[in-house]
Amino acid sequence: MKLELIATATFGLEAVVKREIEDLGFKIIKSEDAKITFSGDERAIVKSNLWLRCADRVLLKMGEFEALEFEALFQQTKALPWEQWIPPDGKFTVSGTSVKSKLHSVPACQSIVKKAIVEKLKEIYGIEHFQESGAEYPVKVAILKDRVTLTIDTSGAGLQKRG
């Protein structure tokens, strides 16, 4: 399965992280300020978390779309395949940012994304209440100029905190 992954980096280290990703054998899709988007499979998640030395985190890109109102954010978030990554007992928190966007209330956006994911998982798993007692799947919603990017953080405590 082809996945889009994002390696976040400190400003100024993008070229170094890009080189590390290429050295691991992954194809660069896009390089921007503080993040490098690349493609790989499930093994790329593990390999990049183990071997990237200058990246801060590795994020699994779930989707990217334009949202000018909360209903669009809800519907397009719900349409994504969350069940492929979050099991019925999965614990998921939603954090977010919004810059120069019509949807500028970050707490409202976080709440809507959480609700959309719960509704999707309720449909798929056929359960009404989520215990959220299993592994953690931190979801991030980043909105920049009305463009929403939804990701799942695969790194846990940050790559710079490794022993």
C-alpha atoms as a PDB file:
ATOM      1  CA  MET A   1       0.000   0.000   0.000  1.00  0.00           C
ATOM      2  CA  LYS A   2       1.447   3.379  -1.013  1.00  0.00           C
ATOM      3  CA  LEU A   3       1.379   5.910   1.786  1.00  0.00           C
ATOM      4  CA  GLU A   4       2.214   9.590   1.997  1.00  0.00           C
ATOM      5  CA  LEU A   5       4.393  10.378   4.970  1.00  0.00           C
ATOM      6  CA  ILE A   6       5.563  13.733   6.288  1.00  0.00           C
ATOM      7  CA  ALA A   7       8.847  14.189   8.123  1.00  0.00           C
ATOM      8  CA  THR A   8       8.780  17.403  10.120  1.00  0.00           C
ATOM      9  CA  ALA A   9      12.042  19.237  10.677  1.00  0.00           C
ATOM     10  CA  THR A  10      13.432  22.317  12.336  1.00  0.00           C
ATOM     11  CA  PHE A  11      13.598  25.304   9.966  1.00  0.00           C
ATOM     12  CA  GLY A  12      16.880  25.157   8.063  1.00  0.00           C
ATOM     13  CA  LEU A  13      17.303  21.374   8.333  1.00  0.00           C
ATOM     14  CA  GLU A  14      14.920  20.450   5.512  1.00  0.00           C
ATOM     15  CA  ALA A  15      17.757  19.712   3.048  1.00  0.00           C
ATOM     16  CA  VAL A  16      19.464  17.402   5.546  1.00  0.00           C
ATOM     17  CA  VAL A  17      16.239  15.516   6.298  1.00  0.00           C
ATOM     18  CA  LYS A  18      15.474  15.292   2.579  1.00  0.00           C
ATOM     19  CA  ARG A  19      18.889  13.713   1.978  1.00  0.00           C
ATOM     20  CA  GLU A  20      18.351  11.242   4.843  1.00  0.00           C
ATOM     21  CA  ILE A  21      14.990  10.214   3.368  1.00  0.00           C
ATOM     22  CA  GLU A  22      16.523   9.711  -0.080  1.00  0.00           C
ATOM     23  CA  ASP A  23      19.360   7.675   1.472  1.00  0.00           C
ATOM     24  CA  LEU A  24      16.731   5.380   2.999  1.00  0.00           C
ATOM     25  CA  GLY A  25      15.391   4.790  -0.521  1.00  0.00           C
ATOM     26  CA  PHE A  26      12.129   6.726  -0.367  1.00  0.00           C
ATOM     27  CA  LYS A  27      10.792   9.056  -3.078  1.00  0.00           C
ATOM     28  CA  ILE A  28      10.422  12.721  -2.163  1.00  0.00           C
ATOM     29  CA  ILE A  29       7.060  14.163  -3.190  1.00  0.00           C
ATOM     30  CA  LYS A  30       7.461  17.711  -1.894  1.00  0.00           C
ATOM     31  CA  SER A  31       9.810  19.745   0.264  1.00  0.00           C
ATOM     32  CA  GLU A  32       8.428  22.772   2.110  1.00  0.00           C
ATOM     33  CA  ASP A  33       9.291  24.895   5.118  1.00  0.00           C
ATOM     34  CA  ALA A  34       9.778  22.551   8.085  1.00  0.00           C
ATOM     35  CA  LYS A  35       8.364  19.453   6.373  1.00  0.00           C
ATOM     36  CA  ILE A  36       9.270  16.942   3.697  1.00  0.00           C
ATOM     37  CA  THR A  37       6.536  14.792   2.155  1.00  0.00           C
ATOM     38  CA  PHE A  38       7.616  11.391   0.845  1.00  0.00           C
ATOM     39  CA  SER A  39       6.057   8.116  -0.240  1.00  0.00           C
ATOM     40  CA  GLY A  40       6.546   4.613   1.070  1.00  0.00           C
ATOM     41  CA  ASP A  41       4.729   1.594   2.430  1.00  0.00           C
ATOM     42  CA  GLU A  42       4.021   0.438   5.989  1.00  0.00           C
ATOM     43  CA  ARG A  43       7.681  -0.493   6.454  1.00  0.00           C
ATOM     44  CA  ALA A  44       8.648   3.088   5.592  1.00  0.00           C
ATOM     45  CA  ILE A  45       6.913   4.234   8.786  1.00  0.00           C
ATOM     46  CA  VAL A  46       9.110   1.999  10.925  1.00  0.00           C
ATOM     47  CA  LYS A  47      12.284   2.549   8.922  1.00  0.00           C
ATOM     48  CA  SER A  48      11.978   6.338   8.930  1.00  0.00           C
ATOM     49  CA  ASN A  49      11.206   6.456  12.660  1.00  0.00           C
ATOM     50  CA  LEU A  50      14.269   4.308  13.344  1.00  0.00           C
ATOM     51  CA  TRP A  51      16.807   5.879  11.020  1.00  0.00           C
ATOM     52  CA  LEU A  52      15.981   9.551  10.468  1.00  0.00           C
ATOM     53  CA  ARG A  53      18.393  11.526  12.639  1.00  0.00           C
ATOM     54  CA  CYS A  54      17.452  15.156  11.933  1.00  0.00           C
ATOM     55  CA  ALA A  55      13.664  14.906  11.619  1.00  0.00           C
ATOM     56  CA  ASP A  56      11.407  15.793  14.557  1.00  0.00           C
ATOM     57  CA  ARG A  57       8.485  13.477  13.763  1.00  0.00           C
ATOM     58  CA  VAL A  58       7.076  11.195  11.082  1.00  0.00           C
ATOM     59  CA  LEU A  59       3.404  11.769  10.295  1.00  0.00           C
ATOM     60  CA  LEU A  60       1.069   9.565   8.263  1.00  0.00           C
ATOM     61  CA  LYS A  61      -0.903  11.832   5.937  1.00  0.00           C
ATOM     62  CA  MET A  62      -4.548  10.755   6.032  1.00  0.00           C
ATOM     63  CA  GLY A  63      -5.883  13.432   3.726  1.00  0.00           C
ATOM     64  CA  GLU A  64      -5.696  16.973   2.432  1.00  0.00           C
ATOM     65  CA  PHE A  65      -8.620  19.105   1.263  1.00  0.00           C
ATOM     66  CA  GLU A  66     -10.083  22.602   1.253  1.00  0.00           C
ATOM     67  CA  ALA A  67     -12.651  23.470   3.925  1.00  0.00           C
ATOM     68  CA  LEU A  68     -14.318  26.857   4.197  1.00  0.00           C
ATOM     69  CA  GLU A  69     -16.981  25.820   6.702  1.00  0.00           C
ATOM     70  CA  PHE A  70     -17.319  23.339   9.558  1.00  0.00           C
ATOM     71  CA  GLU A  71     -19.705  21.041   7.675  1.00  0.00           C
ATOM     72  CA  ALA A  72     -17.128  20.551   4.909  1.00  0.00           C
ATOM     73  CA  LEU A  73     -14.473  19.797   7.532  1.00  0.00           C
ATOM     74  CA  PHE A  74     -16.760  17.210   9.151  1.00  0.00           C
ATOM     75  CA  GLN A  75     -17.856  15.475   5.935  1.00  0.00           C
ATOM     76  CA  GLN A  76     -14.419  15.296   4.340  1.00  0.00           C
ATOM     77  CA  THR A  77     -12.804  14.091   7.573  1.00  0.00           C
ATOM     78  CA  LYS A  78     -15.465  11.398   7.948  1.00  0.00           C
ATOM     79  CA  ALA A  79     -14.843  10.228   4.371  1.00  0.00           C
ATOM     80  CA  LEU A  80     -11.229   9.247   5.134  1.00  0.00           C
ATOM     81  CA  PRO A  81     -10.291   5.579   5.895  1.00  0.00           C
ATOM     82  CA  TRP A  82      -9.652   5.958   9.665  1.00  0.00           C
ATOM     83  CA  GLU A  83     -10.560   2.316  10.281  1.00  0.00           C
ATOM     84  CA  GLN A  84      -7.388   1.237   8.459  1.00  0.00           C
ATOM     85  CA  TRP A  85      -5.299   2.699  11.279  1.00  0.00           C
ATOM     86  CA  ILE A  86      -7.425   3.128  14.416  1.00  0.00           C
ATOM     87  CA  PRO A  87      -8.774  -0.100  15.993  1.00  0.00           C
ATOM     88  CA  PRO A  88     -12.032  -0.269  17.997  1.00  0.00           C
ATOM     89  CA  ASP A  89     -10.166   0.259  21.303  1.00  0.00           C
ATOM     90  CA  GLY A  90      -7.746   2.868  19.896  1.00  0.00           C
ATOM     91  CA  LYS A  91      -7.235   6.060  21.871  1.00  0.00           C
ATOM     92  CA  PHE A  92      -7.033   9.137  19.686  1.00  0.00           C
ATOM     93  CA  THR A  93      -6.602  12.730  20.681  1.00  0.00           C
ATOM     94  CA  VAL A  94      -6.890  15.574  18.203  1.00  0.00           C
ATOM     95  CA  SER A  95      -4.583  18.591  18.277  1.00  0.00           C
ATOM     96  CA  GLY A  96      -4.572  21.372  15.744  1.00  0.00           C
ATOM     97  CA  THR A  97      -3.423  24.657  14.291  1.00  0.00           C
ATOM     98  CA  SER A  98      -5.067  27.194  12.024  1.00  0.00           C
ATOM     99  CA  VAL A  99      -3.286  29.993  10.155  1.00  0.00           C
ATOM    100  CA  LYS A 100      -4.938  32.525   7.832  1.00  0.00           C
ATOM    101  CA  SER A 101      -8.091  30.405   7.501  1.00  0.00           C
ATOM    102  CA  LYS A 102     -11.823  30.976   7.736  1.00  0.00           C
ATOM    103  CA  LEU A 103     -11.946  28.111  10.241  1.00  0.00           C
ATOM    104  CA  HIS A 104      -9.835  29.921  12.811  1.00  0.00           C
ATOM    105  CA  SER A 105     -11.260  28.419  16.027  1.00  0.00           C
ATOM    106  CA  VAL A 106      -8.796  25.619  16.768  1.00  0.00           C
ATOM    107  CA  PRO A 107     -10.839  24.050  19.620  1.00  0.00           C
ATOM    108  CA  ALA A 108     -13.920  23.907  17.368  1.00  0.00           C
ATOM    109  CA  CYS A 109     -11.915  22.318  14.539  1.00  0.00           C
ATOM    110  CA  GLN A 110     -10.418  19.744  16.913  1.00  0.00           C
ATOM    111  CA  SER A 111     -13.877  18.882  18.237  1.00  0.00           C
ATOM    112  CA  ILE A 112     -15.360  18.513  14.751  1.00  0.00           C
ATOM    113  CA  VAL A 113     -12.500  16.294  13.552  1.00  0.00           C
ATOM    114  CA  LYS A 114     -12.838  14.089  16.661  1.00  0.00           C
ATOM    115  CA  LYS A 115     -16.602  13.805  16.147  1.00  0.00           C
ATOM    116  CA  ALA A 116     -16.183  12.940  12.447  1.00  0.00           C
ATOM    117  CA  ILE A 117     -13.670  10.191  13.230  1.00  0.00           C
ATOM    118  CA  VAL A 118     -15.917   8.773  15.966  1.00  0.00           C
ATOM    119  CA  GLU A 119     -18.931   8.762  13.613  1.00  0.00           C
ATOM    120  CA  LYS A 120     -16.908   6.974  10.919  1.00  0.00           C
ATOM    121  CA  LEU A 121     -15.604   4.357  13.360  1.00  0.00           C
ATOM    122  CA  LYS A 122     -19.088   3.845  14.844  1.00  0.00           C
ATOM    123  CA  GLU A 123     -20.390   3.014  11.354  1.00  0.00           C
ATOM    124  CA  ILE A 124     -17.505   0.678  10.547  1.00  0.00           C
ATOM    125  CA  TYR A 125     -17.221  -1.175  13.872  1.00  0.00           C
ATOM    126  CA  GLY A 126     -20.920  -1.128  14.787  1.00  0.00           C
ATOM    127  CA  ILE A 127     -20.330   0.118  18.341  1.00  0.00           C
ATOM    128  CA  GLU A 128     -21.842   3.090  20.141  1.00  0.00           C
ATOM    129  CA  HIS A 129     -19.215   3.861  22.786  1.00  0.00           C
ATOM    130  CA  PHE A 130     -15.444   3.902  22.437  1.00  0.00           C
ATOM    131  CA  GLN A 131     -13.458   2.843  25.490  1.00  0.00           C
ATOM    132  CA  GLU A 132     -10.239   4.313  24.071  1.00  0.00           C
ATOM    133  CA  SER A 133      -8.260   1.932  26.255  1.00  0.00           C
ATOM    134  CA  GLY A 134      -5.777   0.711  23.641  1.00  0.00           C
ATOM    135  CA  ALA A 135      -2.766   2.209  21.910  1.00  0.00           C
ATOM    136  CA  GLU A 136      -2.626   5.937  21.237  1.00  0.00           C
ATOM    137  CA  TYR A 137      -3.095   7.420  17.762  1.00  0.00           C
ATOM    138  CA  PRO A 138      -2.503  11.200  17.974  1.00  0.00           C
ATOM    139  CA  VAL A 139      -4.385  12.945  15.158  1.00  0.00           C
ATOM    140  CA  LYS A 140      -3.264  16.380  14.004  1.00  0.00           C
ATOM    141  CA  VAL A 141      -5.375  18.846  12.039  1.00  0.00           C
ATOM    142  CA  ALA A 142      -3.399  21.636  10.390  1.00  0.00           C
ATOM    143  CA  ILE A 143      -5.260  24.332   8.490  1.00  0.00           C
ATOM    144  CA  LEU A 144      -3.254  26.782   6.393  1.00  0.00           C
ATOM    145  CA  LYS A 145      -5.101  29.237   4.129  1.00  0.00           C
ATOM    146  CA  ASP A 146      -8.259  27.080   4.210  1.00  0.00           C
ATOM    147  CA  ARG A 147      -6.292  23.939   3.217  1.00  0.00           C
ATOM    148  CA  VAL A 148      -6.752  21.156   5.787  1.00  0.00           C
ATOM    149  CA  THR A 149      -4.130  18.450   6.304  1.00  0.00           C
ATOM    150  CA  LEU A 150      -5.023  15.536   8.584  1.00  0.00           C
ATOM    151  CA  THR A 151      -2.270  13.294   9.900  1.00  0.00           C
ATOM    152  CA  ILE A 152      -1.603  10.578  12.464  1.00  0.00           C
ATOM    153  CA  ASP A 153       1.623  10.972  14.437  1.00  0.00           C
ATOM    154  CA  THR A 154       3.654   7.751  14.195  1.00  0.00           C
ATOM    155  CA  SER A 155       6.627   8.888  16.287  1.00  0.00           C
ATOM    156  CA  GLY A 156       5.270   8.987  19.792  1.00  0.00           C
ATOM    157  CA  ALA A 157       7.553  11.074  22.005  1.00  0.00           C
ATOM    158  CA  GLY A 158       9.456  12.801  19.194  1.00  0.00           C
ATOM    159  CA  LEU A 159      12.538  11.552  17.417  1.00  0.00           C
ATOM    160  CA  GLN A 160      14.884  13.981  19.153  1.00  0.00           C
ATOM    161  CA  LYS A 161      14.063  12.318  22.493  1.00  0.00           C
ATOM    162  CA  ARG A 162      15.534   8.945  21.554  1.00  0.00           C
ATOM    163  CA  GLY A 163      18.362   7.544  23.643  1.00  0.00           C
END
